Amino acid sequence: MAISLRVVSSLLAANSAVSSHFRNLPASGRDFRAATICSAAKQAVETEKREPRGLMKPRRVSPEMKAFLGGTSEIKRADVLKEVWAHIKTHNLQDPANKKVIICDAKLKTIFPGKDQIGFLEIARLITPHFL
Protein backbone atom coordinates (compact mmCIF):
# COMPACT_ATOMS: atom_id res chain seq x y z
CA MET A 1 0.00 0.00 0.00
CA ALA A 2 1.82 3.08 -1.22
CA ILE A 3 0.96 6.47 0.25
CA SER A 4 2.11 9.73 -1.24
CA LEU A 5 3.93 12.28 0.87
CA ARG A 6 1.12 14.79 0.40
CA VAL A 7 -1.46 12.46 1.90
CA VAL A 8 0.69 11.62 4.90
CA SER A 9 1.72 15.22 5.53
CA SER A 10 -1.88 16.44 5.33
CA LEU A 11 -3.03 13.76 7.76
CA LEU A 12 -0.23 14.53 10.19
CA ALA A 13 -0.32 18.34 9.91
CA ALA A 14 -1.57 18.61 13.48
CA ASN A 15 1.65 17.17 14.83
CA SER A 16 4.35 19.59 13.70
CA ALA A 17 7.29 17.43 14.75
CA VAL A 18 6.10 14.48 12.67
CA SER A 19 5.03 16.60 9.71
CA SER A 20 8.40 18.41 9.67
CA HIS A 21 10.07 14.98 9.51
CA PHE A 22 8.07 14.14 6.38
CA ARG A 23 8.77 17.52 4.76
CA ASN A 24 12.50 16.81 5.00
CA LEU A 25 12.21 13.63 2.92
CA PRO A 26 13.82 13.81 -0.53
CA ALA A 27 11.58 14.06 -3.58
CA SER A 28 12.44 10.47 -4.55
CA GLY A 29 10.94 9.27 -1.26
CA ARG A 30 7.41 10.49 -1.99
CA ASP A 31 6.00 6.96 -2.26
CA PHE A 32 6.78 4.65 0.61
CA ARG A 33 5.14 2.01 2.66
CA ALA A 34 3.37 3.23 5.78
CA ALA A 35 4.32 0.11 7.67
CA THR A 36 8.05 0.83 7.38
CA ILE A 37 7.69 4.29 8.88
CA CYS A 38 5.41 3.02 11.64
CA SER A 39 7.75 0.19 12.51
CA ALA A 40 10.78 2.49 12.46
CA ALA A 41 9.04 4.92 14.80
CA LYS A 42 8.12 2.27 17.35
CA GLN A 43 10.59 1.49 20.06
CA ALA A 44 11.09 -2.03 21.32
CA VAL A 45 9.13 -2.36 24.53
CA GLU A 46 9.84 -5.22 26.88
CA THR A 47 6.59 -7.04 27.57
CA GLU A 48 5.84 -8.35 31.01
CA LYS A 49 4.53 -11.85 31.61
CA ARG A 50 0.82 -11.48 32.34
CA GLU A 51 -1.46 -13.74 34.33
CA PRO A 52 -3.43 -16.31 32.34
CA ARG A 53 -6.97 -15.29 31.47
CA GLY A 54 -10.05 -16.90 29.97
CA LEU A 55 -9.64 -20.54 28.98
CA MET A 56 -6.12 -20.72 30.35
CA LYS A 57 -6.80 -19.44 33.89
CA PRO A 58 -7.05 -22.22 36.49
CA ARG A 59 -10.38 -22.11 38.33
CA ARG A 60 -11.98 -24.05 41.16
CA VAL A 61 -14.50 -26.68 40.08
CA SER A 62 -17.69 -28.12 41.54
CA PRO A 63 -17.67 -31.40 43.51
CA GLU A 64 -19.28 -33.22 40.54
CA MET A 65 -16.57 -32.02 38.16
CA LYS A 66 -13.92 -32.79 40.77
CA ALA A 67 -15.17 -36.38 40.93
CA PHE A 68 -15.18 -36.61 37.11
CA LEU A 69 -11.60 -35.32 36.94
CA GLY A 70 -10.37 -37.71 39.59
CA GLY A 71 -9.89 -35.32 42.50
CA THR A 72 -8.51 -32.21 40.80
CA SER A 73 -10.00 -29.19 42.55
CA GLU A 74 -8.51 -26.44 40.35
CA ILE A 75 -8.00 -26.75 36.59
CA LYS A 76 -7.99 -24.73 33.38
CA ARG A 77 -11.19 -24.68 31.36
CA ALA A 78 -9.28 -25.84 28.28
CA ASP A 79 -7.95 -28.84 30.18
CA VAL A 80 -11.47 -29.78 31.31
CA LEU A 81 -12.57 -29.82 27.67
CA LYS A 82 -9.60 -32.05 26.84
CA GLU A 83 -10.47 -34.44 29.67
CA VAL A 84 -14.14 -34.63 28.63
CA TRP A 85 -13.17 -35.32 25.01
CA ALA A 86 -10.60 -37.92 26.09
CA HIS A 87 -13.34 -39.71 28.06
CA ILE A 88 -15.70 -39.55 25.07
CA LYS A 89 -13.09 -40.96 22.69
CA THR A 90 -11.85 -43.62 25.11
CA HIS A 91 -15.34 -44.98 25.77
CA ASN A 92 -16.53 -44.52 22.16
CA LEU A 93 -19.50 -42.37 23.17
CA GLN A 94 -20.07 -40.64 19.83
CA ASP A 95 -23.16 -41.77 17.97
CA PRO A 96 -21.92 -43.87 15.00
CA ALA A 97 -24.64 -42.49 12.72
CA ASN A 98 -24.08 -38.85 13.69
CA LYS A 99 -20.66 -38.06 15.16
CA LYS A 100 -21.94 -34.66 16.34
CA VAL A 101 -24.05 -36.37 19.01
CA ILE A 102 -22.49 -37.61 22.24
CA ILE A 103 -24.27 -40.40 24.11
CA CYS A 104 -23.84 -39.78 27.86
CA ASP A 105 -22.71 -42.67 30.04
CA ALA A 106 -23.09 -42.70 33.84
CA LYS A 107 -19.92 -40.67 34.38
CA LEU A 108 -20.93 -37.95 31.91
CA LYS A 109 -24.43 -37.81 33.38
CA THR A 110 -22.88 -36.65 36.66
CA ILE A 111 -21.62 -33.44 35.02
CA PHE A 112 -24.46 -33.15 32.48
CA PRO A 113 -27.49 -33.98 34.68
CA GLY A 114 -30.74 -34.85 32.94
CA LYS A 115 -29.07 -35.37 29.56
CA ASP A 116 -29.04 -38.72 27.77
CA GLN A 117 -27.28 -37.27 24.76
CA ILE A 118 -25.76 -33.89 23.91
CA GLY A 119 -24.41 -32.15 20.83
CA PHE A 120 -20.65 -31.70 20.73
CA LEU A 121 -21.06 -27.91 20.61
CA GLU A 122 -23.04 -27.99 23.88
CA ILE A 123 -20.13 -29.35 25.92
CA ALA A 124 -18.47 -25.96 26.47
CA ARG A 125 -21.77 -24.41 27.55
CA LEU A 126 -22.68 -27.28 29.86
CA ILE A 127 -19.39 -27.29 31.78
CA THR A 128 -19.71 -23.57 32.60
CA PRO A 129 -21.78 -24.04 35.81
CA HIS A 130 -19.09 -26.34 37.20
CA PHE A 131 -16.56 -23.50 37.48
CA LEU A 132 -16.86 -21.65 40.78
C-alpha atoms as a PDB file:
ATOM      1  CA  MET A   1       0.000   0.000   0.000  1.00  0.00           C
ATOM      2  CA  ALA A   2       1.825   3.080  -1.220  1.00  0.00           C
ATOM      3  CA  ILE A   3       0.963   6.468   0.247  1.00  0.00           C
ATOM      4  CA  SER A   4       2.111   9.731  -1.235  1.00  0.00           C
ATOM      5  CA  LEU A   5       3.935  12.279   0.872  1.00  0.00           C
ATOM      6  CA  ARG A   6       1.122  14.791   0.399  1.00  0.00           C
ATOM      7  CA  VAL A   7      -1.464  12.456   1.899  1.00  0.00           C
ATOM      8  CA  VAL A   8       0.692  11.624   4.897  1.00  0.00           C
ATOM      9  CA  SER A   9       1.721  15.221   5.526  1.00  0.00           C
ATOM     10  CA  SER A  10      -1.879  16.444   5.325  1.00  0.00           C
ATOM     11  CA  LEU A  11      -3.030  13.755   7.764  1.00  0.00           C
ATOM     12  CA  LEU A  12      -0.235  14.534  10.186  1.00  0.00           C
ATOM     13  CA  ALA A  13      -0.324  18.337   9.910  1.00  0.00           C
ATOM     14  CA  ALA A  14      -1.570  18.608  13.483  1.00  0.00           C
ATOM     15  CA  ASN A  15       1.655  17.172  14.826  1.00  0.00           C
ATOM     16  CA  SER A  16       4.349  19.595  13.701  1.00  0.00           C
ATOM     17  CA  ALA A  17       7.290  17.425  14.748  1.00  0.00           C
ATOM     18  CA  VAL A  18       6.100  14.482  12.668  1.00  0.00           C
ATOM     19  CA  SER A  19       5.031  16.601   9.711  1.00  0.00           C
ATOM     20  CA  SER A  20       8.398  18.406   9.671  1.00  0.00           C
ATOM     21  CA  HIS A  21      10.068  14.980   9.505  1.00  0.00           C
ATOM     22  CA  PHE A  22       8.071  14.136   6.380  1.00  0.00           C
ATOM     23  CA  ARG A  23       8.772  17.519   4.765  1.00  0.00           C
ATOM     24  CA  ASN A  24      12.497  16.811   4.999  1.00  0.00           C
ATOM     25  CA  LEU A  25      12.213  13.629   2.919  1.00  0.00           C
ATOM     26  CA  PRO A  26      13.816  13.809  -0.528  1.00  0.00           C
ATOM     27  CA  ALA A  27      11.579  14.058  -3.583  1.00  0.00           C
ATOM     28  CA  SER A  28      12.439  10.467  -4.549  1.00  0.00           C
ATOM     29  CA  GLY A  29      10.941   9.265  -1.261  1.00  0.00           C
ATOM     30  CA  ARG A  30       7.413  10.487  -1.992  1.00  0.00           C
ATOM     31  CA  ASP A  31       6.000   6.962  -2.263  1.00  0.00           C
ATOM     32  CA  PHE A  32       6.782   4.654   0.611  1.00  0.00           C
ATOM     33  CA  ARG A  33       5.142   2.013   2.663  1.00  0.00           C
ATOM     34  CA  ALA A  34       3.372   3.232   5.783  1.00  0.00           C
ATOM     35  CA  ALA A  35       4.322   0.109   7.670  1.00  0.00           C
ATOM     36  CA  THR A  36       8.053   0.830   7.376  1.00  0.00           C
ATOM     37  CA  ILE A  37       7.687   4.294   8.879  1.00  0.00           C
ATOM     38  CA  CYS A  38       5.414   3.022  11.640  1.00  0.00           C
ATOM     39  CA  SER A  39       7.749   0.191  12.511  1.00  0.00           C
ATOM     40  CA  ALA A  40      10.776   2.486  12.458  1.00  0.00           C
ATOM     41  CA  ALA A  41       9.040   4.918  14.799  1.00  0.00           C
ATOM     42  CA  LYS A  42       8.115   2.265  17.347  1.00  0.00           C
ATOM     43  CA  GLN A  43      10.592   1.490  20.061  1.00  0.00           C
ATOM     44  CA  ALA A  44      11.094  -2.033  21.318  1.00  0.00           C
ATOM     45  CA  VAL A  45       9.126  -2.357  24.526  1.00  0.00           C
ATOM     46  CA  GLU A  46       9.840  -5.215  26.877  1.00  0.00           C
ATOM     47  CA  THR A  47       6.589  -7.042  27.571  1.00  0.00           C
ATOM     48  CA  GLU A  48       5.836  -8.348  31.014  1.00  0.00           C
ATOM     49  CA  LYS A  49       4.529 -11.846  31.610  1.00  0.00           C
ATOM     50  CA  ARG A  50       0.817 -11.478  32.343  1.00  0.00           C
ATOM     51  CA  GLU A  51      -1.457 -13.739  34.325  1.00  0.00           C
ATOM     52  CA  PRO A  52      -3.428 -16.315  32.335  1.00  0.00           C
ATOM     53  CA  ARG A  53      -6.970 -15.294  31.466  1.00  0.00           C
ATOM     54  CA  GLY A  54     -10.052 -16.898  29.969  1.00  0.00           C
ATOM     55  CA  LEU A  55      -9.645 -20.538  28.984  1.00  0.00           C
ATOM     56  CA  MET A  56      -6.120 -20.721  30.354  1.00  0.00           C
ATOM     57  CA  LYS A  57      -6.799 -19.444  33.885  1.00  0.00           C
ATOM     58  CA  PRO A  58      -7.054 -22.217  36.487  1.00  0.00           C
ATOM     59  CA  ARG A  59     -10.375 -22.112  38.334  1.00  0.00           C
ATOM     60  CA  ARG A  60     -11.981 -24.051  41.157  1.00  0.00           C
ATOM     61  CA  VAL A  61     -14.497 -26.684  40.083  1.00  0.00           C
ATOM     62  CA  SER A  62     -17.694 -28.120  41.544  1.00  0.00           C
ATOM     63  CA  PRO A  63     -17.670 -31.397  43.509  1.00  0.00           C
ATOM     64  CA  GLU A  64     -19.284 -33.222  40.535  1.00  0.00           C
ATOM     65  CA  MET A  65     -16.572 -32.017  38.158  1.00  0.00           C
ATOM     66  CA  LYS A  66     -13.922 -32.792  40.773  1.00  0.00           C
ATOM     67  CA  ALA A  67     -15.175 -36.381  40.925  1.00  0.00           C
ATOM     68  CA  PHE A  68     -15.177 -36.614  37.105  1.00  0.00           C
ATOM     69  CA  LEU A  69     -11.601 -35.317  36.939  1.00  0.00           C
ATOM     70  CA  GLY A  70     -10.367 -37.708  39.591  1.00  0.00           C
ATOM     71  CA  GLY A  71      -9.892 -35.317  42.495  1.00  0.00           C
ATOM     72  CA  THR A  72      -8.509 -32.213  40.804  1.00  0.00           C
ATOM     73  CA  SER A  73      -9.995 -29.187  42.549  1.00  0.00           C
ATOM     74  CA  GLU A  74      -8.513 -26.445  40.350  1.00  0.00           C
ATOM     75  CA  ILE A  75      -8.005 -26.750  36.586  1.00  0.00           C
ATOM     76  CA  LYS A  76      -7.989 -24.726  33.381  1.00  0.00           C
ATOM     77  CA  ARG A  77     -11.192 -24.681  31.361  1.00  0.00           C
ATOM     78  CA  ALA A  78      -9.280 -25.839  28.275  1.00  0.00           C
ATOM     79  CA  ASP A  79      -7.950 -28.843  30.184  1.00  0.00           C
ATOM     80  CA  VAL A  80     -11.471 -29.779  31.312  1.00  0.00           C
ATOM     81  CA  LEU A  81     -12.574 -29.819  27.671  1.00  0.00           C
ATOM     82  CA  LYS A  82      -9.601 -32.050  26.838  1.00  0.00           C
ATOM     83  CA  GLU A  83     -10.475 -34.441  29.667  1.00  0.00           C
ATOM     84  CA  VAL A  84     -14.135 -34.629  28.629  1.00  0.00           C
ATOM     85  CA  TRP A  85     -13.173 -35.324  25.011  1.00  0.00           C
ATOM     86  CA  ALA A  86     -10.602 -37.922  26.088  1.00  0.00           C
ATOM     87  CA  HIS A  87     -13.340 -39.708  28.063  1.00  0.00           C
ATOM     88  CA  ILE A  88     -15.700 -39.553  25.070  1.00  0.00           C
ATOM     89  CA  LYS A  89     -13.092 -40.957  22.685  1.00  0.00           C
ATOM     90  CA  THR A  90     -11.847 -43.622  25.112  1.00  0.00           C
ATOM     91  CA  HIS A  91     -15.336 -44.978  25.772  1.00  0.00           C
ATOM     92  CA  ASN A  92     -16.531 -44.522  22.159  1.00  0.00           C
ATOM     93  CA  LEU A  93     -19.497 -42.365  23.173  1.00  0.00           C
ATOM     94  CA  GLN A  94     -20.066 -40.640  19.830  1.00  0.00           C
ATOM     95  CA  ASP A  95     -23.165 -41.770  17.965  1.00  0.00           C
ATOM     96  CA  PRO A  96     -21.922 -43.866  14.998  1.00  0.00           C
ATOM     97  CA  ALA A  97     -24.644 -42.491  12.721  1.00  0.00           C
ATOM     98  CA  ASN A  98     -24.075 -38.853  13.688  1.00  0.00           C
ATOM     99  CA  LYS A  99     -20.660 -38.061  15.158  1.00  0.00           C
ATOM    100  CA  LYS A 100     -21.940 -34.659  16.342  1.00  0.00           C
ATOM    101  CA  VAL A 101     -24.045 -36.371  19.007  1.00  0.00           C
ATOM    102  CA  ILE A 102     -22.486 -37.606  22.238  1.00  0.00           C
ATOM    103  CA  ILE A 103     -24.272 -40.401  24.112  1.00  0.00           C
ATOM    104  CA  CYS A 104     -23.839 -39.782  27.857  1.00  0.00           C
ATOM    105  CA  ASP A 105     -22.711 -42.671  30.043  1.00  0.00           C
ATOM    106  CA  ALA A 106     -23.091 -42.704  33.840  1.00  0.00           C
ATOM    107  CA  LYS A 107     -19.919 -40.671  34.379  1.00  0.00           C
ATOM    108  CA  LEU A 108     -20.934 -37.951  31.906  1.00  0.00           C
ATOM    109  CA  LYS A 109     -24.430 -37.807  33.382  1.00  0.00           C
ATOM    110  CA  THR A 110     -22.878 -36.645  36.659  1.00  0.00           C
ATOM    111  CA  ILE A 111     -21.625 -33.442  35.023  1.00  0.00           C
ATOM    112  CA  PHE A 112     -24.457 -33.148  32.478  1.00  0.00           C
ATOM    113  CA  PRO A 113     -27.491 -33.980  34.680  1.00  0.00           C
ATOM    114  CA  GLY A 114     -30.741 -34.847  32.936  1.00  0.00           C
ATOM    115  CA  LYS A 115     -29.069 -35.372  29.556  1.00  0.00           C
ATOM    116  CA  ASP A 116     -29.039 -38.719  27.771  1.00  0.00           C
ATOM    117  CA  GLN A 117     -27.275 -37.268  24.759  1.00  0.00           C
ATOM    118  CA  ILE A 118     -25.757 -33.895  23.905  1.00  0.00           C
ATOM    119  CA  GLY A 119     -24.410 -32.153  20.834  1.00  0.00           C
ATOM    120  CA  PHE A 120     -20.655 -31.704  20.734  1.00  0.00           C
ATOM    121  CA  LEU A 121     -21.063 -27.915  20.614  1.00  0.00           C
ATOM    122  CA  GLU A 122     -23.037 -27.988  23.876  1.00  0.00           C
ATOM    123  CA  ILE A 123     -20.133 -29.349  25.922  1.00  0.00           C
ATOM    124  CA  ALA A 124     -18.465 -25.964  26.473  1.00  0.00           C
ATOM    125  CA  ARG A 125     -21.766 -24.410  27.553  1.00  0.00           C
ATOM    126  CA  LEU A 126     -22.682 -27.285  29.861  1.00  0.00           C
ATOM    127  CA  ILE A 127     -19.391 -27.294  31.782  1.00  0.00           C
ATOM    128  CA  THR A 128     -19.711 -23.574  32.604  1.00  0.00           C
ATOM    129  CA  PRO A 129     -21.782 -24.035  35.809  1.00  0.00           C
ATOM    130  CA  HIS A 130     -19.089 -26.340  37.196  1.00  0.00           C
ATOM    131  CA  PHE A 131     -16.558 -23.500  37.480  1.00  0.00           C
ATOM    132  CA  LEU A 132     -16.861 -21.646  40.779  1.00  0.00           C
END
